[in-house]
């Protein structure tokens, strides 16, 4: 059994390397301490040695299932999962961190998205394709860091007592190809799958709805455990969380209107499922 004492005490010691490479270096340390080769660890967690190698060198982000499996096999008592959580907390852009904090605490979320699939519902490949276009000057490893942070946020949908999530997607989200046909097929399948969860409602706002109050951009209405309601609105280069009662009420009214104009949930899911065949 590997010792759970890491040779690096804090994420602040990371210098000249990416967050993913830092975590991968720790994985290699624990693996070697346990006396396992990449092939042996791969067999134990049902992953290929090449995937182990890519994670250890920071070329691929680990999924939470991968992390938990490594903790179990290596006997690290959850050290890798705790380190991953800490790294991810520091991987978001500073202006986006308040959103992530509110998102993790919310009991309900009502979202409208006019441009892209919301991060909580994206596949890894869709996220990678979108982020690569948004961070064109960054390296592949930096892109992978952003992808990993986005995928980590999705854990709230599978945790105990997940938030209730109601999403209205503009039809443009479905019609805009991101990453190619195969990526879009997988993304549509992901949306259909998630829509079957009891705490998720998905609607599509068709082009035929015409002009509407959401044309100014994406918005999210959060309900917190104490029933406080907050609005998050995003624009290029930043976003803001709004708590003014009048603004919250206005946002709620717009979102209610969008839900009324959107296709019913069953029809929305059928529309998405039909796109898989196309």
C-alpha atoms as a PDB file:
ATOM      1  CA  UNK A   1       0.000   0.000   0.000  1.00  0.00           C
ATOM      2  CA  UNK A   2       1.343   3.397  -0.951  1.00  0.00           C
ATOM      3  CA  UNK A   3       1.926   6.077   1.613  1.00  0.00           C
ATOM      4  CA  UNK A   4      -0.619   8.882   1.445  1.00  0.00           C
ATOM      5  CA  UNK A   5       1.998  11.535   2.172  1.00  0.00           C
ATOM      6  CA  UNK A   6       2.536  13.516  -0.990  1.00  0.00           C
ATOM      7  CA  UNK A   7       5.999  14.814  -1.797  1.00  0.00           C
ATOM      8  CA  UNK A   8       4.412  18.172  -2.726  1.00  0.00           C
ATOM      9  CA  UNK A   9       2.395  19.824   0.000  1.00  0.00           C
ATOM     10  CA  UNK A  10       0.400  22.454  -1.869  1.00  0.00           C
ATOM     11  CA  UNK A  11      -0.618  23.425  -5.351  1.00  0.00           C
ATOM     12  CA  UNK A  12       1.275  26.656  -4.881  1.00  0.00           C
ATOM     13  CA  UNK A  13       4.485  24.671  -5.431  1.00  0.00           C
ATOM     14  CA  UNK A  14       3.575  24.121  -9.074  1.00  0.00           C
ATOM     15  CA  UNK A  15       6.020  26.096 -11.174  1.00  0.00           C
ATOM     16  CA  UNK A  16       6.864  25.839 -14.844  1.00  0.00           C
ATOM     17  CA  UNK A  17       4.381  23.036 -15.415  1.00  0.00           C
ATOM     18  CA  UNK A  18       0.678  22.645 -15.995  1.00  0.00           C
ATOM     19  CA  UNK A  19      -1.866  21.620 -13.390  1.00  0.00           C
ATOM     20  CA  UNK A  20      -2.501  18.382 -15.288  1.00  0.00           C
ATOM     21  CA  UNK A  21       1.209  17.518 -15.417  1.00  0.00           C
ATOM     22  CA  UNK A  22       1.464  18.255 -11.703  1.00  0.00           C
ATOM     23  CA  UNK A  23      -1.331  15.820 -10.876  1.00  0.00           C
ATOM     24  CA  UNK A  24       0.079  13.273 -13.322  1.00  0.00           C
ATOM     25  CA  UNK A  25       3.463  13.521 -11.632  1.00  0.00           C
ATOM     26  CA  UNK A  26       1.810  12.673  -8.318  1.00  0.00           C
ATOM     27  CA  UNK A  27       0.053   9.701  -9.907  1.00  0.00           C
ATOM     28  CA  UNK A  28       3.400   8.420 -11.186  1.00  0.00           C
ATOM     29  CA  UNK A  29       4.919   8.882  -7.733  1.00  0.00           C
ATOM     30  CA  UNK A  30       2.207   6.812  -6.053  1.00  0.00           C
ATOM     31  CA  UNK A  31       2.243   4.183  -8.820  1.00  0.00           C
ATOM     32  CA  UNK A  32       5.984   3.671  -8.565  1.00  0.00           C
ATOM     33  CA  UNK A  33       5.782   3.666  -4.791  1.00  0.00           C
ATOM     34  CA  UNK A  34       3.246   0.832  -5.072  1.00  0.00           C
ATOM     35  CA  UNK A  35       5.651  -1.048  -7.343  1.00  0.00           C
ATOM     36  CA  UNK A  36       3.309  -1.055 -10.354  1.00  0.00           C
ATOM     37  CA  UNK A  37       4.112  -0.461 -13.995  1.00  0.00           C
ATOM     38  CA  UNK A  38       1.792   1.559 -16.206  1.00  0.00           C
ATOM     39  CA  UNK A  39       0.592  -1.691 -17.751  1.00  0.00           C
ATOM     40  CA  UNK A  40      -0.157  -3.241 -14.350  1.00  0.00           C
ATOM     41  CA  UNK A  41      -2.054  -0.185 -13.156  1.00  0.00           C
ATOM     42  CA  UNK A  42      -3.923  -0.074 -16.451  1.00  0.00           C
ATOM     43  CA  UNK A  43      -5.057  -3.677 -16.057  1.00  0.00           C
ATOM     44  CA  UNK A  44      -6.182  -3.030 -12.490  1.00  0.00           C
ATOM     45  CA  UNK A  45      -8.390  -0.055 -13.428  1.00  0.00           C
ATOM     46  CA  UNK A  46      -9.323  -1.290 -16.937  1.00  0.00           C
ATOM     47  CA  UNK A  47      -7.403   1.410 -18.783  1.00  0.00           C
ATOM     48  CA  UNK A  48      -4.766   1.116 -21.481  1.00  0.00           C
ATOM     49  CA  UNK A  49      -1.095   1.755 -20.586  1.00  0.00           C
ATOM     50  CA  UNK A  50      -1.083   4.520 -23.208  1.00  0.00           C
ATOM     51  CA  UNK A  51      -3.887   6.307 -21.339  1.00  0.00           C
ATOM     52  CA  UNK A  52      -1.953   6.003 -18.068  1.00  0.00           C
ATOM     53  CA  UNK A  53       1.076   7.490 -19.818  1.00  0.00           C
ATOM     54  CA  UNK A  54      -0.895  10.407 -21.261  1.00  0.00           C
ATOM     55  CA  UNK A  55      -2.398  11.230 -17.860  1.00  0.00           C
ATOM     56  CA  UNK A  56       0.962  11.027 -16.116  1.00  0.00           C
ATOM     57  CA  UNK A  57       2.517  13.448 -18.602  1.00  0.00           C
ATOM     58  CA  UNK A  58      -0.402  15.871 -18.494  1.00  0.00           C
ATOM     59  CA  UNK A  59      -1.486  15.241 -22.073  1.00  0.00           C
ATOM     60  CA  UNK A  60      -4.932  13.979 -21.069  1.00  0.00           C
ATOM     61  CA  UNK A  61      -7.187  14.938 -18.187  1.00  0.00           C
ATOM     62  CA  UNK A  62      -8.346  12.131 -15.872  1.00  0.00           C
ATOM     63  CA  UNK A  63     -12.040  11.573 -15.263  1.00  0.00           C
ATOM     64  CA  UNK A  64     -13.292  11.285 -11.694  1.00  0.00           C
ATOM     65  CA  UNK A  65     -13.870   7.533 -12.193  1.00  0.00           C
ATOM     66  CA  UNK A  66     -10.213   7.183 -13.214  1.00  0.00           C
ATOM     67  CA  UNK A  67      -9.052   9.149 -10.169  1.00  0.00           C
ATOM     68  CA  UNK A  68     -11.147   7.156  -7.707  1.00  0.00           C
ATOM     69  CA  UNK A  69     -10.008   3.878  -9.261  1.00  0.00           C
ATOM     70  CA  UNK A  70      -6.353   4.888  -8.901  1.00  0.00           C
ATOM     71  CA  UNK A  71      -6.885   5.884  -5.280  1.00  0.00           C
ATOM     72  CA  UNK A  72      -8.421   2.468  -4.620  1.00  0.00           C
ATOM     73  CA  UNK A  73      -5.768   0.392  -6.371  1.00  0.00           C
ATOM     74  CA  UNK A  74      -2.812   2.406  -5.072  1.00  0.00           C
ATOM     75  CA  UNK A  75      -4.153   2.583  -1.519  1.00  0.00           C
ATOM     76  CA  UNK A  76      -3.752   6.346  -1.274  1.00  0.00           C
ATOM     77  CA  UNK A  77      -6.803   6.850   0.948  1.00  0.00           C
ATOM     78  CA  UNK A  78      -8.335   9.433  -1.385  1.00  0.00           C
ATOM     79  CA  UNK A  79      -5.201  11.574  -1.690  1.00  0.00           C
ATOM     80  CA  UNK A  80      -5.361  11.795  -5.477  1.00  0.00           C
ATOM     81  CA  UNK A  81      -9.031  12.812  -5.428  1.00  0.00           C
ATOM     82  CA  UNK A  82      -8.373  15.484  -2.799  1.00  0.00           C
ATOM     83  CA  UNK A  83      -5.404  16.830  -4.753  1.00  0.00           C
ATOM     84  CA  UNK A  84      -7.447  16.889  -7.960  1.00  0.00           C
ATOM     85  CA  UNK A  85     -10.233  18.854  -6.291  1.00  0.00           C
ATOM     86  CA  UNK A  86      -7.747  21.403  -4.971  1.00  0.00           C
ATOM     87  CA  UNK A  87      -6.065  21.786  -8.346  1.00  0.00           C
ATOM     88  CA  UNK A  88      -9.373  22.246 -10.129  1.00  0.00           C
ATOM     89  CA  UNK A  89     -10.420  24.950  -7.677  1.00  0.00           C
ATOM     90  CA  UNK A  90      -7.454  26.985  -8.922  1.00  0.00           C
ATOM     91  CA  UNK A  91      -7.899  26.167 -12.595  1.00  0.00           C
ATOM     92  CA  UNK A  92     -10.880  28.424 -13.312  1.00  0.00           C
ATOM     93  CA  UNK A  93     -10.378  31.954 -14.529  1.00  0.00           C
ATOM     94  CA  UNK A  94     -10.663  34.373 -11.628  1.00  0.00           C
ATOM     95  CA  UNK A  95     -13.830  36.042 -12.919  1.00  0.00           C
ATOM     96  CA  UNK A  96     -15.507  32.622 -13.317  1.00  0.00           C
ATOM     97  CA  UNK A  97     -14.799  31.285  -9.826  1.00  0.00           C
ATOM     98  CA  UNK A  98     -17.823  32.947  -8.149  1.00  0.00           C
ATOM     99  CA  UNK A  99     -20.059  31.250 -10.724  1.00  0.00           C
ATOM    100  CA  UNK A 100     -18.561  27.830  -9.935  1.00  0.00           C
ATOM    101  CA  UNK A 101     -19.023  28.409  -6.196  1.00  0.00           C
ATOM    102  CA  UNK A 102     -22.682  29.374  -6.601  1.00  0.00           C
ATOM    103  CA  UNK A 103     -23.249  26.503  -9.042  1.00  0.00           C
ATOM    104  CA  UNK A 104     -21.888  23.980  -6.549  1.00  0.00           C
ATOM    105  CA  UNK A 105     -24.220  25.250  -3.794  1.00  0.00           C
ATOM    106  CA  UNK A 106     -27.420  25.736  -5.803  1.00  0.00           C
ATOM    107  CA  UNK A 107     -30.446  23.522  -5.251  1.00  0.00           C
ATOM    108  CA  UNK A 108     -32.067  24.633  -8.520  1.00  0.00           C
ATOM    109  CA  UNK A 109     -30.758  26.068 -11.779  1.00  0.00           C
ATOM    110  CA  UNK A 110     -32.778  27.466 -14.660  1.00  0.00           C
ATOM    111  CA  UNK A 111     -30.605  28.152 -17.715  1.00  0.00           C
ATOM    112  CA  UNK A 112     -31.006  29.599 -21.183  1.00  0.00           C
ATOM    113  CA  UNK A 113     -28.198  29.053 -23.658  1.00  0.00           C
ATOM    114  CA  UNK A 114     -28.305  30.621 -27.146  1.00  0.00           C
ATOM    115  CA  UNK A 115     -24.868  29.649 -28.483  1.00  0.00           C
ATOM    116  CA  UNK A 116     -23.422  26.416 -27.109  1.00  0.00           C
ATOM    117  CA  UNK A 117     -24.321  23.412 -25.003  1.00  0.00           C
ATOM    118  CA  UNK A 118     -23.952  24.396 -21.324  1.00  0.00           C
ATOM    119  CA  UNK A 119     -20.750  23.182 -19.703  1.00  0.00           C
ATOM    120  CA  UNK A 120     -22.638  20.898 -17.325  1.00  0.00           C
ATOM    121  CA  UNK A 121     -23.999  18.922 -20.288  1.00  0.00           C
ATOM    122  CA  UNK A 122     -21.022  18.911 -22.652  1.00  0.00           C
ATOM    123  CA  UNK A 123     -19.086  15.849 -23.712  1.00  0.00           C
ATOM    124  CA  UNK A 124     -15.340  16.006 -23.299  1.00  0.00           C
ATOM    125  CA  UNK A 125     -14.737  16.255 -27.055  1.00  0.00           C
ATOM    126  CA  UNK A 126     -17.331  19.006 -27.492  1.00  0.00           C
ATOM    127  CA  UNK A 127     -15.759  20.959 -24.632  1.00  0.00           C
ATOM    128  CA  UNK A 128     -12.297  20.479 -26.116  1.00  0.00           C
ATOM    129  CA  UNK A 129     -13.407  21.730 -29.544  1.00  0.00           C
ATOM    130  CA  UNK A 130     -15.170  24.765 -28.097  1.00  0.00           C
ATOM    131  CA  UNK A 131     -12.339  25.710 -25.736  1.00  0.00           C
ATOM    132  CA  UNK A 132      -9.718  25.310 -28.450  1.00  0.00           C
ATOM    133  CA  UNK A 133     -11.467  28.052 -30.436  1.00  0.00           C
ATOM    134  CA  UNK A 134     -11.834  30.271 -27.375  1.00  0.00           C
ATOM    135  CA  UNK A 135      -8.188  29.952 -26.305  1.00  0.00           C
ATOM    136  CA  UNK A 136      -6.439  29.928 -29.675  1.00  0.00           C
ATOM    137  CA  UNK A 137      -3.143  31.197 -28.239  1.00  0.00           C
ATOM    138  CA  UNK A 138      -2.869  28.545 -25.532  1.00  0.00           C
ATOM    139  CA  UNK A 139      -1.058  25.212 -25.723  1.00  0.00           C
ATOM    140  CA  UNK A 140      -2.781  21.850 -25.947  1.00  0.00           C
ATOM    141  CA  UNK A 141      -1.896  21.182 -22.306  1.00  0.00           C
ATOM    142  CA  UNK A 142      -3.528  24.416 -21.205  1.00  0.00           C
ATOM    143  CA  UNK A 143      -6.631  23.529 -23.213  1.00  0.00           C
ATOM    144  CA  UNK A 144      -6.710  20.141 -21.474  1.00  0.00           C
ATOM    145  CA  UNK A 145      -6.603  21.923 -18.124  1.00  0.00           C
ATOM    146  CA  UNK A 146      -9.698  23.918 -19.040  1.00  0.00           C
ATOM    147  CA  UNK A 147     -11.414  20.767 -20.296  1.00  0.00           C
ATOM    148  CA  UNK A 148     -10.654  18.981 -17.042  1.00  0.00           C
ATOM    149  CA  UNK A 149     -12.027  21.852 -14.984  1.00  0.00           C
ATOM    150  CA  UNK A 150     -15.239  21.861 -17.008  1.00  0.00           C
ATOM    151  CA  UNK A 151     -15.683  18.099 -16.711  1.00  0.00           C
ATOM    152  CA  UNK A 152     -15.125  18.300 -12.947  1.00  0.00           C
ATOM    153  CA  UNK A 153     -18.093  20.643 -12.619  1.00  0.00           C
ATOM    154  CA  UNK A 154     -20.377  17.921 -13.982  1.00  0.00           C
ATOM    155  CA  UNK A 155     -19.969  15.868 -10.809  1.00  0.00           C
ATOM    156  CA  UNK A 156     -22.757  17.883  -9.197  1.00  0.00           C
ATOM    157  CA  UNK A 157     -25.276  16.103 -11.462  1.00  0.00           C
ATOM    158  CA  UNK A 158     -24.379  12.666 -10.115  1.00  0.00           C
ATOM    159  CA  UNK A 159     -23.751  13.487  -6.462  1.00  0.00           C
ATOM    160  CA  UNK A 160     -26.183  12.750  -3.663  1.00  0.00           C
ATOM    161  CA  UNK A 161     -28.976  15.347  -3.665  1.00  0.00           C
ATOM    162  CA  UNK A 162     -28.093  16.856  -7.071  1.00  0.00           C
ATOM    163  CA  UNK A 163     -29.553  20.231  -8.054  1.00  0.00           C
ATOM    164  CA  UNK A 164     -32.702  20.411 -10.158  1.00  0.00           C
ATOM    165  CA  UNK A 165     -31.602  21.589 -13.591  1.00  0.00           C
ATOM    166  CA  UNK A 166     -33.906  23.056 -16.242  1.00  0.00           C
ATOM    167  CA  UNK A 167     -32.184  24.007 -19.492  1.00  0.00           C
ATOM    168  CA  UNK A 168     -33.617  25.818 -22.515  1.00  0.00           C
ATOM    169  CA  UNK A 169     -31.391  25.455 -25.575  1.00  0.00           C
ATOM    170  CA  UNK A 170     -31.804  27.697 -28.576  1.00  0.00           C
ATOM    171  CA  UNK A 171     -32.130  25.668 -31.766  1.00  0.00           C
ATOM    172  CA  UNK A 172     -28.928  27.363 -32.949  1.00  0.00           C
ATOM    173  CA  UNK A 173     -27.027  25.335 -30.347  1.00  0.00           C
ATOM    174  CA  UNK A 174     -28.073  22.142 -32.101  1.00  0.00           C
ATOM    175  CA  UNK A 175     -27.518  23.415 -35.631  1.00  0.00           C
ATOM    176  CA  UNK A 176     -24.025  24.782 -35.054  1.00  0.00           C
ATOM    177  CA  UNK A 177     -21.438  22.016 -35.676  1.00  0.00           C
ATOM    178  CA  UNK A 178     -18.724  21.969 -33.039  1.00  0.00           C
ATOM    179  CA  UNK A 179     -15.831  19.581 -33.539  1.00  0.00           C
ATOM    180  CA  UNK A 180     -17.328  17.701 -36.477  1.00  0.00           C
ATOM    181  CA  UNK A 181     -20.121  15.225 -37.096  1.00  0.00           C
ATOM    182  CA  UNK A 182     -18.920  12.507 -34.725  1.00  0.00           C
ATOM    183  CA  UNK A 183     -18.502  14.971 -31.865  1.00  0.00           C
ATOM    184  CA  UNK A 184     -21.992  16.324 -32.461  1.00  0.00           C
ATOM    185  CA  UNK A 185     -23.522  12.842 -32.585  1.00  0.00           C
ATOM    186  CA  UNK A 186     -21.956  12.009 -29.232  1.00  0.00           C
ATOM    187  CA  UNK A 187     -23.104  15.350 -27.848  1.00  0.00           C
ATOM    188  CA  UNK A 188     -26.692  14.778 -28.972  1.00  0.00           C
ATOM    189  CA  UNK A 189     -26.584  11.325 -27.377  1.00  0.00           C
ATOM    190  CA  UNK A 190     -25.314  12.891 -24.168  1.00  0.00           C
ATOM    191  CA  UNK A 191     -28.199  15.370 -24.140  1.00  0.00           C
ATOM    192  CA  UNK A 192     -30.738  12.602 -24.682  1.00  0.00           C
ATOM    193  CA  UNK A 193     -29.186  10.561 -21.879  1.00  0.00           C
ATOM    194  CA  UNK A 194     -29.060  13.442 -19.407  1.00  0.00           C
ATOM    195  CA  UNK A 195     -32.660  14.409 -20.200  1.00  0.00           C
ATOM    196  CA  UNK A 196     -33.765  11.060 -18.730  1.00  0.00           C
ATOM    197  CA  UNK A 197     -32.440  11.967 -15.288  1.00  0.00           C
ATOM    198  CA  UNK A 198     -35.283  12.781 -12.877  1.00  0.00           C
ATOM    199  CA  UNK A 199     -33.669  16.071 -11.850  1.00  0.00           C
ATOM    200  CA  UNK A 200     -33.040  17.377 -15.402  1.00  0.00           C
ATOM    201  CA  UNK A 201     -35.509  19.000 -17.800  1.00  0.00           C
ATOM    202  CA  UNK A 202     -34.391  19.909 -21.317  1.00  0.00           C
ATOM    203  CA  UNK A 203     -36.249  22.066 -23.837  1.00  0.00           C
ATOM    204  CA  UNK A 204     -35.405  23.408 -27.284  1.00  0.00           C
ATOM    205  CA  UNK A 205     -36.439  26.921 -28.291  1.00  0.00           C
ATOM    206  CA  UNK A 206     -37.091  26.643 -32.055  1.00  0.00           C
ATOM    207  CA  UNK A 207     -36.233  29.313 -34.595  1.00  0.00           C
ATOM    208  CA  UNK A 208     -39.964  29.706 -35.214  1.00  0.00           C
ATOM    209  CA  UNK A 209     -40.338  31.271 -31.761  1.00  0.00           C
ATOM    210  CA  UNK A 210     -39.039  34.486 -33.315  1.00  0.00           C
ATOM    211  CA  UNK A 211     -37.750  37.399 -31.261  1.00  0.00           C
ATOM    212  CA  UNK A 212     -37.586  36.866 -27.507  1.00  0.00           C
ATOM    213  CA  UNK A 213     -36.160  38.299 -24.313  1.00  0.00           C
ATOM    214  CA  UNK A 214     -33.173  35.978 -24.219  1.00  0.00           C
ATOM    215  CA  UNK A 215     -31.549  37.359 -27.362  1.00  0.00           C
ATOM    216  CA  UNK A 216     -29.145  39.471 -25.296  1.00  0.00           C
ATOM    217  CA  UNK A 217     -27.237  36.380 -24.181  1.00  0.00           C
ATOM    218  CA  UNK A 218     -27.075  33.340 -21.897  1.00  0.00           C
ATOM    219  CA  UNK A 219     -28.428  33.538 -18.375  1.00  0.00           C
ATOM    220  CA  UNK A 220     -28.746  31.312 -15.340  1.00  0.00           C
ATOM    221  CA  UNK A 221     -31.126  31.699 -12.415  1.00  0.00           C
ATOM    222  CA  UNK A 222     -29.824  30.004  -9.263  1.00  0.00           C
ATOM    223  CA  UNK A 223     -31.821  29.071  -6.185  1.00  0.00           C
ATOM    224  CA  UNK A 224     -29.645  28.553  -3.096  1.00  0.00           C
ATOM    225  CA  UNK A 225     -30.441  26.380  -0.046  1.00  0.00           C
ATOM    226  CA  UNK A 226     -31.826  29.390   1.880  1.00  0.00           C
ATOM    227  CA  UNK A 227     -34.103  30.167  -1.125  1.00  0.00           C
ATOM    228  CA  UNK A 228     -31.982  33.143  -2.163  1.00  0.00           C
ATOM    229  CA  UNK A 229     -32.140  33.665  -5.923  1.00  0.00           C
ATOM    230  CA  UNK A 230     -29.220  34.947  -7.976  1.00  0.00           C
ATOM    231  CA  UNK A 231     -28.765  35.602 -11.681  1.00  0.00           C
ATOM    232  CA  UNK A 232     -25.592  35.002 -13.637  1.00  0.00           C
ATOM    233  CA  UNK A 233     -25.140  36.821 -16.943  1.00  0.00           C
ATOM    234  CA  UNK A 234     -22.087  36.353 -19.143  1.00  0.00           C
ATOM    235  CA  UNK A 235     -20.476  38.394 -21.900  1.00  0.00           C
ATOM    236  CA  UNK A 236     -17.131  38.376 -23.673  1.00  0.00           C
ATOM    237  CA  UNK A 237     -14.265  38.394 -21.194  1.00  0.00           C
ATOM    238  CA  UNK A 238     -16.324  38.050 -18.039  1.00  0.00           C
ATOM    239  CA  UNK A 239     -19.597  37.579 -16.260  1.00  0.00           C
ATOM    240  CA  UNK A 240     -21.470  38.929 -13.273  1.00  0.00           C
ATOM    241  CA  UNK A 241     -23.674  37.556 -10.519  1.00  0.00           C
ATOM    242  CA  UNK A 242     -26.697  39.740  -9.854  1.00  0.00           C
ATOM    243  CA  UNK A 243     -28.750  39.716  -6.677  1.00  0.00           C
ATOM    244  CA  UNK A 244     -30.865  42.849  -7.086  1.00  0.00           C
ATOM    245  CA  UNK A 245     -34.501  41.747  -6.570  1.00  0.00           C
ATOM    246  CA  UNK A 246     -35.848  43.615  -9.588  1.00  0.00           C
ATOM    247  CA  UNK A 247     -33.211  42.185 -11.913  1.00  0.00           C
ATOM    248  CA  UNK A 248     -33.776  38.688 -10.549  1.00  0.00           C
ATOM    249  CA  UNK A 249     -37.520  39.068 -11.127  1.00  0.00           C
ATOM    250  CA  UNK A 250     -36.974  40.321 -14.668  1.00  0.00           C
ATOM    251  CA  UNK A 251     -34.713  37.384 -15.445  1.00  0.00           C
ATOM    252  CA  UNK A 252     -37.204  34.912 -13.985  1.00  0.00           C
ATOM    253  CA  UNK A 253     -39.968  36.398 -16.145  1.00  0.00           C
ATOM    254  CA  UNK A 254     -37.854  36.105 -19.305  1.00  0.00           C
ATOM    255  CA  UNK A 255     -36.926  32.513 -18.518  1.00  0.00           C
ATOM    256  CA  UNK A 256     -40.552  31.616 -17.848  1.00  0.00           C
ATOM    257  CA  UNK A 257     -41.478  33.116 -21.218  1.00  0.00           C
ATOM    258  CA  UNK A 258     -38.727  31.126 -22.947  1.00  0.00           C
ATOM    259  CA  UNK A 259     -39.955  27.901 -21.353  1.00  0.00           C
ATOM    260  CA  UNK A 260     -43.479  28.657 -22.515  1.00  0.00           C
ATOM    261  CA  UNK A 261     -42.319  29.289 -26.103  1.00  0.00           C
ATOM    262  CA  UNK A 262     -39.985  26.274 -26.247  1.00  0.00           C
ATOM    263  CA  UNK A 263     -40.951  22.827 -27.442  1.00  0.00           C
ATOM    264  CA  UNK A 264     -42.301  20.526 -24.703  1.00  0.00           C
ATOM    265  CA  UNK A 265     -39.579  18.374 -23.100  1.00  0.00           C
ATOM    266  CA  UNK A 266     -40.608  15.160 -24.886  1.00  0.00           C
ATOM    267  CA  UNK A 267     -40.726  16.873 -28.273  1.00  0.00           C
ATOM    268  CA  UNK A 268     -37.388  18.544 -27.561  1.00  0.00           C
ATOM    269  CA  UNK A 269     -35.693  15.239 -26.805  1.00  0.00           C
ATOM    270  CA  UNK A 270     -37.197  13.657 -29.925  1.00  0.00           C
ATOM    271  CA  UNK A 271     -35.848  16.520 -32.007  1.00  0.00           C
ATOM    272  CA  UNK A 272     -32.365  15.991 -30.573  1.00  0.00           C
ATOM    273  CA  UNK A 273     -32.579  12.233 -31.046  1.00  0.00           C
ATOM    274  CA  UNK A 274     -33.571  12.736 -34.698  1.00  0.00           C
ATOM    275  CA  UNK A 275     -30.441  14.823 -35.219  1.00  0.00           C
ATOM    276  CA  UNK A 276     -28.294  11.833 -34.288  1.00  0.00           C
ATOM    277  CA  UNK A 277     -29.523  10.085 -37.410  1.00  0.00           C
ATOM    278  CA  UNK A 278     -28.817  13.112 -39.563  1.00  0.00           C
END
